[in-house]
Amino acid sequence: MLLCLALCLGAVQVAMQQIRLSGAAATAARMIGRGDDAAAVLSRSGATSFDSVGKGGLRCVRLSADTSVAGIGALGVSLTARACAIDERTNVNLSQESGE
């Protein structure tokens, strides 16, 4: 019974960590898309790896982190979040070329 409760609480903590990581990825994608430095967001996110790719007028960010939940983290579970935002620097150049 106690083991079941511990696993349920651990699962809730992992879900909350995933939500925070997803929010950090979205914020970082928006900041990079505007040309801002996203280092502060990335350092607070607890991400262990970061990747940013621009494609088709979008800036996509992928963050990965190991779980910080005791017991579940020992199993080697890692979380990944990906988010994309409009790359405003690219879109500004395109709109200026089209005469808008």
PDB file of N, CA and C in Angstrom:
ATOM      1  N   MET A   1       0.823  -1.201   0.000  1.00  0.00           N
ATOM      2  CA  MET A   1       0.000   0.000   0.000  1.00  0.00           C
ATOM      3  C   MET A   1       0.869   1.267   0.000  1.00  0.00           C
ATOM      4  N   LEU A   2       1.864   1.258   0.851  1.00  0.00           N
ATOM      5  CA  LEU A   2       2.750   2.413   0.943  1.00  0.00           C
ATOM      6  C   LEU A   2       3.565   2.580  -0.337  1.00  0.00           C
ATOM      7  N   LEU A   3       3.981   1.468  -0.934  1.00  0.00           N
ATOM      8  CA  LEU A   3       4.723   1.522  -2.191  1.00  0.00           C
ATOM      9  C   LEU A   3       3.863   2.107  -3.314  1.00  0.00           C
ATOM     10  N   CYS A   4       2.610   1.726  -3.338  1.00  0.00           N
ATOM     11  CA  CYS A   4       1.684   2.260  -4.347  1.00  0.00           C
ATOM     12  C   CYS A   4       1.518   3.770  -4.195  1.00  0.00           C
ATOM     13  N   LEU A   5       1.378   4.226  -2.974  1.00  0.00           N
ATOM     14  CA  LEU A   5       1.244   5.664  -2.710  1.00  0.00           C
ATOM     15  C   LEU A   5       2.499   6.409  -3.140  1.00  0.00           C
ATOM     16  N   ALA A   6       3.671   5.843  -2.853  1.00  0.00           N
ATOM     17  CA  ALA A   6       4.929   6.483  -3.232  1.00  0.00           C
ATOM     18  C   ALA A   6       5.056   6.574  -4.747  1.00  0.00           C
ATOM     19  N   LEU A   7       4.667   5.518  -5.450  1.00  0.00           N
ATOM     20  CA  LEU A   7       4.724   5.544  -6.914  1.00  0.00           C
ATOM     21  C   LEU A   7       3.755   6.572  -7.500  1.00  0.00           C
ATOM     22  N   CYS A   8       2.579   6.680  -6.928  1.00  0.00           N
ATOM     23  CA  CYS A   8       1.602   7.670  -7.414  1.00  0.00           C
ATOM     24  C   CYS A   8       2.106   9.090  -7.199  1.00  0.00           C
ATOM     25  N   LEU A   9       2.658   9.354  -6.024  1.00  0.00           N
ATOM     26  CA  LEU A   9       3.194  10.694  -5.760  1.00  0.00           C
ATOM     27  C   LEU A   9       4.381  10.999  -6.668  1.00  0.00           C
ATOM     28  N   GLY A  10       5.213   9.990  -6.924  1.00  0.00           N
ATOM     29  CA  GLY A  10       6.339  10.173  -7.835  1.00  0.00           C
ATOM     30  C   GLY A  10       5.876  10.486  -9.248  1.00  0.00           C
ATOM     31  N   ALA A  11       4.820   9.802  -9.686  1.00  0.00           N
ATOM     32  CA  ALA A  11       4.280  10.055 -11.026  1.00  0.00           C
ATOM     33  C   ALA A  11       3.743  11.473 -11.150  1.00  0.00           C
ATOM     34  N   VAL A  12       3.102  11.971 -10.105  1.00  0.00           N
ATOM     35  CA  VAL A  12       2.591  13.352 -10.119  1.00  0.00           C
ATOM     36  C   VAL A  12       3.763  14.332 -10.187  1.00  0.00           C
ATOM     37  N   GLN A  13       4.835  14.066  -9.462  1.00  0.00           N
ATOM     38  CA  GLN A  13       6.000  14.950  -9.497  1.00  0.00           C
ATOM     39  C   GLN A  13       6.658  14.946 -10.873  1.00  0.00           C
ATOM     40  N   VAL A  14       6.723  13.802 -11.509  1.00  0.00           N
ATOM     41  CA  VAL A  14       7.290  13.720 -12.863  1.00  0.00           C
ATOM     42  C   VAL A  14       6.419  14.509 -13.836  1.00  0.00           C
ATOM     43  N   ALA A  15       5.102  14.401 -13.694  1.00  0.00           N
ATOM     44  CA  ALA A  15       4.189  15.154 -14.568  1.00  0.00           C
ATOM     45  C   ALA A  15       4.383  16.657 -14.380  1.00  0.00           C
ATOM     46  N   MET A  16       4.550  17.094 -13.160  1.00  0.00           N
ATOM     47  CA  MET A  16       4.775  18.530 -12.905  1.00  0.00           C
ATOM     48  C   MET A  16       6.118  18.985 -13.493  1.00  0.00           C
ATOM     49  N   GLN A  17       7.132  18.147 -13.405  1.00  0.00           N
ATOM     50  CA  GLN A  17       8.427  18.488 -13.999  1.00  0.00           C
ATOM     51  C   GLN A  17       8.297  18.582 -15.516  1.00  0.00           C
ATOM     52  N   GLN A  18       7.516  17.707 -16.120  1.00  0.00           N
ATOM     53  CA  GLN A  18       7.292  17.750 -17.579  1.00  0.00           C
ATOM     54  C   GLN A  18       6.585  19.039 -17.976  1.00  0.00           C
ATOM     55  N   ILE A  19       5.618  19.449 -17.181  1.00  0.00           N
ATOM     56  CA  ILE A  19       4.893  20.700 -17.472  1.00  0.00           C
ATOM     57  C   ILE A  19       5.839  21.892 -17.388  1.00  0.00           C
ATOM     58  N   ARG A  20       6.691  21.935 -16.364  1.00  0.00           N
ATOM     59  CA  ARG A  20       7.663  23.031 -16.240  1.00  0.00           C
ATOM     60  C   ARG A  20       8.639  23.036 -17.411  1.00  0.00           C
ATOM     61  N   LEU A  21       9.088  21.858 -17.823  1.00  0.00           N
ATOM     62  CA  LEU A  21      10.031  21.764 -18.940  1.00  0.00           C
ATOM     63  C   LEU A  21       9.364  22.223 -20.242  1.00  0.00           C
ATOM     64  N   SER A  22       8.106  21.865 -20.437  1.00  0.00           N
ATOM     65  CA  SER A  22       7.372  22.301 -21.637  1.00  0.00           C
ATOM     66  C   SER A  22       7.200  23.812 -21.657  1.00  0.00           C
ATOM     67  N   GLY A  23       6.887  24.394 -20.514  1.00  0.00           N
ATOM     68  CA  GLY A  23       6.754  25.847 -20.420  1.00  0.00           C
ATOM     69  C   GLY A  23       8.071  26.554 -20.699  1.00  0.00           C
ATOM     70  N   ALA A  24       9.165  25.986 -20.192  1.00  0.00           N
ATOM     71  CA  ALA A  24      10.478  26.580 -20.430  1.00  0.00           C
ATOM     72  C   ALA A  24      10.852  26.493 -21.905  1.00  0.00           C
ATOM     73  N   ALA A  25      10.513  25.389 -22.558  1.00  0.00           N
ATOM     74  CA  ALA A  25      10.807  25.247 -23.990  1.00  0.00           C
ATOM     75  C   ALA A  25      10.019  26.277 -24.798  1.00  0.00           C
ATOM     76  N   ALA A  26       8.760  26.480 -24.459  1.00  0.00           N
ATOM     77  CA  ALA A  26       7.933  27.463 -25.172  1.00  0.00           C
ATOM     78  C   ALA A  26       8.471  28.879 -24.967  1.00  0.00           C
ATOM     79  N   THR A  27       8.828  29.205 -23.740  1.00  0.00           N
ATOM     80  CA  THR A  27       9.371  30.539 -23.458  1.00  0.00           C
ATOM     81  C   THR A  27      10.693  30.752 -24.175  1.00  0.00           C
ATOM     82  N   ALA A  28      11.557  29.748 -24.150  1.00  0.00           N
ATOM     83  CA  ALA A  28      12.852  29.869 -24.824  1.00  0.00           C
ATOM     84  C   ALA A  28      12.668  30.026 -26.328  1.00  0.00           C
ATOM     85  N   ALA A  29      11.732  29.290 -26.929  1.00  0.00           N
ATOM     86  CA  ALA A  29      11.491  29.411 -28.371  1.00  0.00           C
ATOM     87  C   ALA A  29      11.011  30.813 -28.725  1.00  0.00           C
ATOM     88  N   ARG A  30      10.112  31.368 -27.917  1.00  0.00           N
ATOM     89  CA  ARG A  30       9.631  32.740 -28.179  1.00  0.00           C
ATOM     90  C   ARG A  30      10.763  33.751 -28.046  1.00  0.00           C
ATOM     91  N   MET A  31      11.580  33.598 -26.995  1.00  0.00           N
ATOM     92  CA  MET A  31      12.667  34.553 -26.781  1.00  0.00           C
ATOM     93  C   MET A  31      13.698  34.489 -27.908  1.00  0.00           C
ATOM     94  N   ILE A  32      14.075  33.284 -28.306  1.00  0.00           N
ATOM     95  CA  ILE A  32      15.046  33.138 -29.385  1.00  0.00           C
ATOM     96  C   ILE A  32      14.454  33.645 -30.693  1.00  0.00           C
ATOM     97  N   GLY A  33      13.167  33.411 -30.914  1.00  0.00           N
ATOM     98  CA  GLY A  33      12.498  33.903 -32.111  1.00  0.00           C
ATOM     99  C   GLY A  33      12.488  35.423 -32.197  1.00  0.00           C
ATOM    100  N   ARG A  34      12.486  36.095 -31.038  1.00  0.00           N
ATOM    101  CA  ARG A  34      12.542  37.559 -31.002  1.00  0.00           C
ATOM    102  C   ARG A  34      13.970  38.076 -31.076  1.00  0.00           C
ATOM    103  N   GLY A  35      14.940  37.171 -30.936  1.00  0.00           N
ATOM    104  CA  GLY A  35      16.334  37.597 -30.943  1.00  0.00           C
ATOM    105  C   GLY A  35      16.873  37.878 -29.555  1.00  0.00           C
ATOM    106  N   ASP A  36      16.136  37.506 -28.515  1.00  0.00           N
ATOM    107  CA  ASP A  36      16.571  37.712 -27.136  1.00  0.00           C
ATOM    108  C   ASP A  36      17.408  36.528 -26.664  1.00  0.00           C
ATOM    109  N   ASP A  37      18.128  36.745 -25.578  1.00  0.00           N
ATOM    110  CA  ASP A  37      18.942  35.686 -24.982  1.00  0.00           C
ATOM    111  C   ASP A  37      18.073  34.889 -24.012  1.00  0.00           C
ATOM    112  N   ALA A  38      17.996  33.600 -24.217  1.00  0.00           N
ATOM    113  CA  ALA A  38      17.153  32.736 -23.391  1.00  0.00           C
ATOM    114  C   ALA A  38      17.947  31.998 -22.323  1.00  0.00           C
ATOM    115  N   ALA A  39      19.160  32.431 -22.037  1.00  0.00           N
ATOM    116  CA  ALA A  39      20.024  31.720 -21.090  1.00  0.00           C
ATOM    117  C   ALA A  39      19.415  31.646 -19.700  1.00  0.00           C
ATOM    118  N   ALA A  40      18.774  32.702 -19.245  1.00  0.00           N
ATOM    119  CA  ALA A  40      18.192  32.701 -17.897  1.00  0.00           C
ATOM    120  C   ALA A  40      17.070  31.672 -17.787  1.00  0.00           C
ATOM    121  N   VAL A  41      16.232  31.598 -18.806  1.00  0.00           N
ATOM    122  CA  VAL A  41      15.137  30.626 -18.792  1.00  0.00           C
ATOM    123  C   VAL A  41      15.694  29.215 -18.809  1.00  0.00           C
ATOM    124  N   LEU A  42      16.697  29.000 -19.634  1.00  0.00           N
ATOM    125  CA  LEU A  42      17.272  27.666 -19.756  1.00  0.00           C
ATOM    126  C   LEU A  42      17.969  27.225 -18.474  1.00  0.00           C
ATOM    127  N   SER A  43      18.637  28.136 -17.794  1.00  0.00           N
ATOM    128  CA  SER A  43      19.335  27.762 -16.559  1.00  0.00           C
ATOM    129  C   SER A  43      18.348  27.418 -15.452  1.00  0.00           C
ATOM    130  N   ARG A  44      17.194  28.087 -15.427  1.00  0.00           N
ATOM    131  CA  ARG A  44      16.182  27.789 -14.396  1.00  0.00           C
ATOM    132  C   ARG A  44      15.373  26.548 -14.712  1.00  0.00           C
ATOM    133  N   SER A  45      15.387  26.091 -15.951  1.00  0.00           N
ATOM    134  CA  SER A  45      14.539  24.969 -16.343  1.00  0.00           C
ATOM    135  C   SER A  45      15.057  23.628 -15.834  1.00  0.00           C
ATOM    136  N   GLY A  46      16.333  23.546 -15.511  1.00  0.00           N
ATOM    137  CA  GLY A  46      16.911  22.287 -15.080  1.00  0.00           C
ATOM    138  C   GLY A  46      17.220  21.355 -16.230  1.00  0.00           C
ATOM    139  N   ALA A  47      17.197  21.888 -17.451  1.00  0.00           N
ATOM    140  CA  ALA A  47      17.457  21.061 -18.634  1.00  0.00           C
ATOM    141  C   ALA A  47      18.918  20.632 -18.666  1.00  0.00           C
ATOM    142  N   THR A  48      19.132  19.389 -19.067  1.00  0.00           N
ATOM    143  CA  THR A  48      20.499  18.884 -19.197  1.00  0.00           C
ATOM    144  C   THR A  48      21.001  18.985 -20.631  1.00  0.00           C
ATOM    145  N   SER A  49      20.074  19.147 -21.589  1.00  0.00           N
ATOM    146  CA  SER A  49      20.494  19.380 -22.973  1.00  0.00           C
ATOM    147  C   SER A  49      19.514  20.338 -23.644  1.00  0.00           C
ATOM    148  N   PHE A  50      20.034  21.071 -24.614  1.00  0.00           N
ATOM    149  CA  PHE A  50      19.279  22.119 -25.289  1.00  0.00           C
ATOM    150  C   PHE A  50      19.632  22.083 -26.762  1.00  0.00           C
ATOM    151  N   ASP A  51      18.617  22.214 -27.612  1.00  0.00           N
ATOM    152  CA  ASP A  51      18.843  22.254 -29.055  1.00  0.00           C
ATOM    153  C   ASP A  51      17.874  23.266 -29.650  1.00  0.00           C
ATOM    154  N   SER A  52      18.363  24.120 -30.519  1.00  0.00           N
ATOM    155  CA  SER A  52      17.532  25.125 -31.175  1.00  0.00           C
ATOM    156  C   SER A  52      17.751  25.035 -32.680  1.00  0.00           C
ATOM    157  N   VAL A  53      16.649  24.914 -33.425  1.00  0.00           N
ATOM    158  CA  VAL A  53      16.719  24.767 -34.871  1.00  0.00           C
ATOM    159  C   VAL A  53      15.717  25.719 -35.509  1.00  0.00           C
ATOM    160  N   GLY A  54      16.151  26.419 -36.543  1.00  0.00           N
ATOM    161  CA  GLY A  54      15.252  27.279 -37.301  1.00  0.00           C
ATOM    162  C   GLY A  54      14.868  26.604 -38.602  1.00  0.00           C
ATOM    163  N   LYS A  55      13.568  26.585 -38.895  1.00  0.00           N
ATOM    164  CA  LYS A  55      13.130  25.997 -40.168  1.00  0.00           C
ATOM    165  C   LYS A  55      11.801  26.602 -40.587  1.00  0.00           C
ATOM    166  N   GLY A  56      11.735  27.035 -41.817  1.00  0.00           N
ATOM    167  CA  GLY A  56      10.497  27.537 -42.383  1.00  0.00           C
ATOM    168  C   GLY A  56       9.868  28.696 -41.641  1.00  0.00           C
ATOM    169  N   GLY A  57      10.654  29.619 -41.145  1.00  0.00           N
ATOM    170  CA  GLY A  57      10.113  30.759 -40.428  1.00  0.00           C
ATOM    171  C   GLY A  57       9.772  30.462 -38.980  1.00  0.00           C
ATOM    172  N   LEU A  58      10.137  29.283 -38.501  1.00  0.00           N
ATOM    173  CA  LEU A  58       9.906  28.911 -37.106  1.00  0.00           C
ATOM    174  C   LEU A  58      11.231  28.694 -36.401  1.00  0.00           C
ATOM    175  N   ARG A  59      11.235  28.915 -35.107  1.00  0.00           N
ATOM    176  CA  ARG A  59      12.377  28.599 -34.259  1.00  0.00           C
ATOM    177  C   ARG A  59      11.894  27.535 -33.282  1.00  0.00           C
ATOM    178  N   CYS A  60      12.479  26.341 -33.361  1.00  0.00           N
ATOM    179  CA  CYS A  60      12.075  25.222 -32.515  1.00  0.00           C
ATOM    180  C   CYS A  60      13.158  24.932 -31.489  1.00  0.00           C
ATOM    181  N   VAL A  61      12.727  24.682 -30.261  1.00  0.00           N
ATOM    182  CA  VAL A  61      13.630  24.405 -29.151  1.00  0.00           C
ATOM    183  C   VAL A  61      13.260  23.050 -28.561  1.00  0.00           C
ATOM    184  N   ARG A  62      14.267  22.253 -28.281  1.00  0.00           N
ATOM    185  CA  ARG A  62      14.056  20.961 -27.622  1.00  0.00           C
ATOM    186  C   ARG A  62      14.899  20.945 -26.350  1.00  0.00           C
ATOM    187  N   LEU A  63      14.261  20.680 -25.225  1.00  0.00           N
ATOM    188  CA  LEU A  63      14.942  20.568 -23.942  1.00  0.00           C
ATOM    189  C   LEU A  63      14.812  19.145 -23.432  1.00  0.00           C
ATOM    190  N   SER A  64      15.847  18.656 -22.799  1.00  0.00           N
ATOM    191  CA  SER A  64      15.812  17.341 -22.159  1.00  0.00           C
ATOM    192  C   SER A  64      16.321  17.489 -20.735  1.00  0.00           C
ATOM    193  N   ALA A  65      15.767  16.695 -19.839  1.00  0.00           N
ATOM    194  CA  ALA A  65      16.194  16.717 -18.444  1.00  0.00           C
ATOM    195  C   ALA A  65      15.985  15.345 -17.831  1.00  0.00           C
ATOM    196  N   ASP A  66      16.855  15.003 -16.903  1.00  0.00           N
ATOM    197  CA  ASP A  66      16.663  13.785 -16.130  1.00  0.00           C
ATOM    198  C   ASP A  66      15.620  14.071 -15.058  1.00  0.00           C
ATOM    199  N   THR A  67      14.859  13.067 -14.695  1.00  0.00           N
ATOM    200  CA  THR A  67      13.857  13.281 -13.655  1.00  0.00           C
ATOM    201  C   THR A  67      14.554  13.534 -12.331  1.00  0.00           C
ATOM    202  N   SER A  68      13.982  14.426 -11.568  1.00  0.00           N
ATOM    203  CA  SER A  68      14.553  14.763 -10.265  1.00  0.00           C
ATOM    204  C   SER A  68      13.836  14.042  -9.136  1.00  0.00           C
ATOM    205  N   VAL A  69      12.927  13.137  -9.475  1.00  0.00           N
ATOM    206  CA  VAL A  69      12.155  12.415  -8.469  1.00  0.00           C
ATOM    207  C   VAL A  69      12.972  11.220  -7.987  1.00  0.00           C
ATOM    208  N   ALA A  70      13.156  11.124  -6.681  1.00  0.00           N
ATOM    209  CA  ALA A  70      13.918  10.008  -6.115  1.00  0.00           C
ATOM    210  C   ALA A  70      13.246   8.684  -6.480  1.00  0.00           C
ATOM    211  N   GLY A  71      14.034   7.721  -6.832  1.00  0.00           N
ATOM    212  CA  GLY A  71      13.493   6.413  -7.209  1.00  0.00           C
ATOM    213  C   GLY A  71      13.243   6.329  -8.701  1.00  0.00           C
ATOM    214  N   ILE A  72      12.458   7.235  -9.247  1.00  0.00           N
ATOM    215  CA  ILE A  72      12.161   7.215 -10.681  1.00  0.00           C
ATOM    216  C   ILE A  72      13.385   7.679 -11.473  1.00  0.00           C
ATOM    217  N   GLY A  73      14.091   8.647 -10.945  1.00  0.00           N
ATOM    218  CA  GLY A  73      15.309   9.112 -11.599  1.00  0.00           C
ATOM    219  C   GLY A  73      16.376   8.029 -11.659  1.00  0.00           C
ATOM    220  N   ALA A  74      16.395   7.161 -10.663  1.00  0.00           N
ATOM    221  CA  ALA A  74      17.369   6.074 -10.643  1.00  0.00           C
ATOM    222  C   ALA A  74      17.103   5.059 -11.756  1.00  0.00           C
ATOM    223  N   LEU A  75      15.888   5.051 -12.284  1.00  0.00           N
ATOM    224  CA  LEU A  75      15.545   4.146 -13.377  1.00  0.00           C
ATOM    225  C   LEU A  75      16.045   4.658 -14.721  1.00  0.00           C
ATOM    226  N   GLY A  76      16.599   5.871 -14.742  1.00  0.00           N
ATOM    227  CA  GLY A  76      17.116   6.435 -15.990  1.00  0.00           C
ATOM    228  C   GLY A  76      16.050   7.100 -16.842  1.00  0.00           C
ATOM    229  N   VAL A  77      14.941   7.486 -16.245  1.00  0.00           N
ATOM    230  CA  VAL A  77      13.866   8.148 -16.985  1.00  0.00           C
ATOM    231  C   VAL A  77      14.270   9.584 -17.268  1.00  0.00           C
ATOM    232  N   SER A  78      14.169   9.985 -18.525  1.00  0.00           N
ATOM    233  CA  SER A  78      14.444  11.374 -18.877  1.00  0.00           C
ATOM    234  C   SER A  78      13.219  11.968 -19.569  1.00  0.00           C
ATOM    235  N   LEU A  79      13.094  13.263 -19.464  1.00  0.00           N
ATOM    236  CA  LEU A  79      11.961  13.989 -20.033  1.00  0.00           C
ATOM    237  C   LEU A  79      12.444  14.845 -21.188  1.00  0.00           C
ATOM    238  N   THR A  80      11.593  15.025 -22.190  1.00  0.00           N
ATOM    239  CA  THR A  80      11.906  15.873 -23.331  1.00  0.00           C
ATOM    240  C   THR A  80      10.706  16.744 -23.641  1.00  0.00           C
ATOM    241  N   ALA A  81      10.974  17.999 -23.941  1.00  0.00           N
ATOM    242  CA  ALA A  81       9.913  18.929 -24.336  1.00  0.00           C
ATOM    243  C   ALA A  81      10.373  19.674 -25.580  1.00  0.00           C
ATOM    244  N   ARG A  82       9.447  19.897 -26.498  1.00  0.00           N
ATOM    245  CA  ARG A  82       9.755  20.608 -27.744  1.00  0.00           C
ATOM    246  C   ARG A  82       8.687  21.665 -27.966  1.00  0.00           C
ATOM    247  N   ALA A  83       9.120  22.839 -28.374  1.00  0.00           N
ATOM    248  CA  ALA A  83       8.187  23.919 -28.671  1.00  0.00           C
ATOM    249  C   ALA A  83       8.735  24.749 -29.821  1.00  0.00           C
ATOM    250  N   CYS A  84       7.840  25.308 -30.614  1.00  0.00           N
ATOM    251  CA  CYS A  84       8.218  26.156 -31.743  1.00  0.00           C
ATOM    252  C   CYS A  84       7.507  27.494 -31.635  1.00  0.00           C
ATOM    253  N   ALA A  85       8.158  28.526 -32.131  1.00  0.00           N
ATOM    254  CA  ALA A  85       7.582  29.865 -32.179  1.00  0.00           C
ATOM    255  C   ALA A  85       7.995  30.510 -33.494  1.00  0.00           C
ATOM    256  N   ILE A  86       7.263  31.510 -33.894  1.00  0.00           N
ATOM    257  CA  ILE A  86       7.588  32.235 -35.121  1.00  0.00           C
ATOM    258  C   ILE A  86       8.924  32.939 -34.944  1.00  0.00           C
ATOM    259  N   ASP A  87       9.796  32.771 -35.919  1.00  0.00           N
ATOM    260  CA  ASP A  87      11.084  33.451 -35.914  1.00  0.00           C
ATOM    261  C   ASP A  87      10.850  34.848 -36.481  1.00  0.00           C
ATOM    262  N   GLU A  88      10.675  35.810 -35.581  1.00  0.00           N
ATOM    263  CA  GLU A  88      10.314  37.170 -35.992  1.00  0.00           C
ATOM    264  C   GLU A  88      11.400  37.827 -36.833  1.00  0.00           C
ATOM    265  N   ARG A  89      12.631  37.457 -36.613  1.00  0.00           N
ATOM    266  CA  ARG A  89      13.718  38.049 -37.398  1.00  0.00           C
ATOM    267  C   ARG A  89      13.601  37.627 -38.859  1.00  0.00           C
ATOM    268  N   THR A  90      13.274  36.376 -39.119  1.00  0.00           N
ATOM    269  CA  THR A  90      13.105  35.881 -40.485  1.00  0.00           C
ATOM    270  C   THR A  90      11.856  36.477 -41.116  1.00  0.00           C
ATOM    271  N   ASN A  91      10.754  36.518 -40.368  1.00  0.00           N
ATOM    272  CA  ASN A  91       9.494  37.022 -40.906  1.00  0.00           C
ATOM    273  C   ASN A  91       9.532  38.516 -41.174  1.00  0.00           C
ATOM    274  N   VAL A  92      10.295  39.283 -40.395  1.00  0.00           N
ATOM    275  CA  VAL A  92      10.439  40.717 -40.659  1.00  0.00           C
ATOM    276  C   VAL A  92      11.135  40.913 -41.992  1.00  0.00           C
ATOM    277  N   ASN A  93      12.185  40.146 -42.243  1.00  0.00           N
ATOM    278  CA  ASN A  93      12.907  40.260 -43.504  1.00  0.00           C
ATOM    279  C   ASN A  93      12.017  39.873 -44.680  1.00  0.00           C
ATOM    280  N   LEU A  94      11.202  38.848 -44.526  1.00  0.00           N
ATOM    281  CA  LEU A  94      10.324  38.427 -45.605  1.00  0.00           C
ATOM    282  C   LEU A  94       9.254  39.468 -45.904  1.00  0.00           C
ATOM    283  N   SER A  95       8.699  40.094 -44.850  1.00  0.00           N
ATOM    284  CA  SER A  95       7.652  41.091 -45.079  1.00  0.00           C
ATOM    285  C   SER A  95       8.232  42.358 -45.696  1.00  0.00           C
ATOM    286  N   GLN A  96       9.491  42.709 -45.388  1.00  0.00           N
ATOM    287  CA  GLN A  96      10.106  43.871 -45.992  1.00  0.00           C
ATOM    288  C   GLN A  96      10.393  43.625 -47.478  1.00  0.00           C
ATOM    289  N   GLU A  97      10.738  42.394 -47.820  1.00  0.00           N
ATOM    290  CA  GLU A  97      11.022  42.075 -49.219  1.00  0.00           C
ATOM    291  C   GLU A  97       9.753  42.081 -50.063  1.00  0.00           C
ATOM    292  N   SER A  98       8.612  41.721 -49.459  1.00  0.00           N
ATOM    293  CA  SER A  98       7.370  41.666 -50.215  1.00  0.00           C
ATOM    294  C   SER A  98       6.675  43.026 -50.294  1.00  0.00           C
ATOM    295  N   GLY A  99       7.239  44.035 -49.607  1.00  0.00           N
ATOM    296  CA  GLY A  99       6.697  45.385 -49.693  1.00  0.00           C
ATOM    297  C   GLY A  99       5.613  45.687 -48.695  1.00  0.00           C
ATOM    298  N   GLU A 100       5.456  44.871 -47.665  1.00  0.00           N
ATOM    299  CA  GLU A 100       4.425  45.125 -46.642  1.00  0.00           C
ATOM    300  C   GLU A 100       4.878  46.144 -45.656  1.00  0.00           C
TER     301      GLU A 100
END
